[in-house]
Amino acid sequence: QVQLVESGGGLVQPGGSLRLSCAASGSIFSIYDMGWYRQAPGAQRELVATITSGGSTNYVDSVKGRLTISRDNAKNTAYLQMNSLKPEDTAVYYCKEGNRYWGQGTQVTVSS
């Protein structure tokens, strides 16, 4: 059974940094594209960044230059490095493996 577990969220001041992790188990992690999504209160879930099995990345315009997606196939883990955080980055962040499996989410709150 595939399981994705996010961690690394928390409360951070504007301009601060966090690194989210998404640990996968029960799948052949290396062959799947991975994505990070977020959902703010009252809003729809939106795609933030993706990384293919080959390591190609893509970002939504609002996070380009501030967030970086990466993966370590040896550790079955995807990451989202978040720098220069803004209050509008506040959301629950979810990882997704391929087109099917989601994690439970981790809360990121950017506030002074």
Protein backbone atom coordinates (compact mmCIF):
# COMPACT_ATOMS: atom_id res chain seq x y z
CA GLN A 1 0.00 0.00 0.00
CA VAL A 2 1.37 3.38 -1.02
CA GLN A 3 1.82 5.89 1.76
CA LEU A 4 3.05 9.48 1.56
CA VAL A 5 3.94 11.34 4.74
CA GLU A 6 4.64 15.07 4.70
CA SER A 7 6.60 16.83 7.40
CA GLY A 8 8.42 20.09 8.02
CA GLY A 9 5.55 22.54 8.19
CA GLY A 10 5.14 25.12 10.93
CA LEU A 11 4.89 28.78 11.80
CA VAL A 12 7.45 31.11 10.25
CA GLN A 13 7.81 34.87 9.97
CA PRO A 14 7.60 36.61 6.60
CA GLY A 15 10.92 36.28 4.81
CA GLY A 16 11.72 33.05 6.59
CA SER A 17 12.36 29.55 5.27
CA LEU A 18 11.04 26.04 5.69
CA ARG A 19 11.84 22.72 4.06
CA LEU A 20 9.01 20.28 3.55
CA SER A 21 9.62 16.58 3.10
CA CYS A 22 7.43 13.90 1.57
CA ALA A 23 8.48 10.37 2.45
CA ALA A 24 7.02 7.65 0.23
CA SER A 25 6.64 3.97 0.91
CA GLY A 26 5.01 1.05 -0.84
CA SER A 27 5.82 2.17 -4.37
CA ILE A 28 8.68 2.33 -6.84
CA PHE A 29 9.24 5.98 -6.00
CA SER A 30 11.86 6.68 -8.64
CA ILE A 31 9.57 6.06 -11.61
CA TYR A 32 6.88 8.54 -10.60
CA ASP A 33 6.55 12.24 -11.14
CA MET A 34 6.01 14.07 -7.86
CA GLY A 35 4.08 17.22 -7.13
CA TRP A 36 3.55 19.67 -4.30
CA TYR A 37 0.15 21.31 -3.98
CA ARG A 38 -1.32 23.71 -1.47
CA GLN A 39 -4.76 24.66 -0.24
CA ALA A 40 -5.45 27.90 1.60
CA PRO A 41 -8.60 28.34 3.70
CA GLY A 42 -11.60 28.86 1.46
CA ALA A 43 -9.60 28.25 -1.69
CA GLN A 44 -9.19 25.40 -4.11
CA ARG A 45 -6.14 23.18 -4.00
CA GLU A 46 -3.53 24.47 -6.40
CA LEU A 47 -0.43 23.04 -7.96
CA VAL A 48 2.79 24.61 -6.67
CA ALA A 49 5.62 22.62 -8.24
CA THR A 50 6.35 19.35 -9.99
CA ILE A 51 9.41 17.23 -10.59
CA THR A 52 9.50 14.43 -13.13
CA SER A 53 11.10 11.05 -12.62
CA GLY A 54 14.01 12.42 -14.63
CA GLY A 55 14.38 15.50 -12.46
CA SER A 56 12.80 18.18 -14.63
CA THR A 57 10.99 20.81 -12.59
CA ASN A 58 8.15 23.22 -13.11
CA TYR A 59 6.66 25.93 -10.87
CA VAL A 60 3.61 28.12 -10.65
CA ASP A 61 4.59 31.72 -11.38
CA SER A 62 3.87 32.96 -7.85
CA VAL A 63 6.61 30.80 -6.32
CA LYS A 64 9.31 30.94 -8.98
CA GLY A 65 12.64 31.96 -7.50
CA ARG A 66 11.49 31.29 -3.93
CA LEU A 67 10.49 27.61 -3.78
CA THR A 68 12.56 24.70 -5.03
CA ILE A 69 11.35 21.15 -5.53
CA SER A 70 13.80 18.27 -5.43
CA ARG A 71 13.91 14.54 -4.86
CA ASP A 72 16.22 11.91 -3.43
CA ASN A 73 15.32 8.59 -4.98
CA ALA A 74 17.68 6.72 -2.65
CA LYS A 75 15.60 7.98 0.28
CA ASN A 76 12.21 7.76 -1.47
CA THR A 77 11.68 11.39 -0.51
CA ALA A 78 10.63 14.57 -2.26
CA TYR A 79 11.37 18.00 -0.86
CA LEU A 80 10.09 21.54 -1.15
CA GLN A 81 12.58 24.18 -0.04
CA MET A 82 10.66 27.35 0.73
CA ASN A 83 12.55 30.65 1.00
CA SER A 84 11.44 34.27 1.26
CA LEU A 85 8.06 33.14 2.51
CA LYS A 86 5.09 35.48 2.31
CA PRO A 87 1.81 35.51 4.23
CA GLU A 88 0.05 34.44 1.04
CA ASP A 89 2.04 31.19 1.13
CA THR A 90 0.01 30.16 4.18
CA ALA A 91 -1.76 26.90 3.35
CA VAL A 92 -1.82 23.18 3.91
CA TYR A 93 0.81 21.67 1.64
CA TYR A 94 0.28 18.24 0.09
CA CYS A 95 2.53 16.00 -1.94
CA LYS A 96 1.24 13.78 -4.71
CA GLU A 97 2.82 10.78 -6.36
CA GLY A 98 1.95 10.24 -9.98
CA ASN A 99 -1.74 10.82 -10.67
CA ARG A 100 -3.14 8.90 -7.79
CA TYR A 101 -1.66 9.09 -4.31
CA TRP A 102 -1.79 12.01 -1.86
CA GLY A 103 -0.24 12.65 1.51
CA GLN A 104 -2.18 13.93 4.49
CA GLY A 105 -0.79 17.45 4.30
CA THR A 106 1.34 19.68 6.49
CA GLN A 107 0.36 23.18 7.65
CA VAL A 108 2.53 26.15 6.73
CA THR A 109 1.69 29.46 8.39
CA VAL A 110 3.57 32.63 7.50
CA SER A 111 2.83 35.35 9.99
CA SER A 112 4.54 37.90 12.20
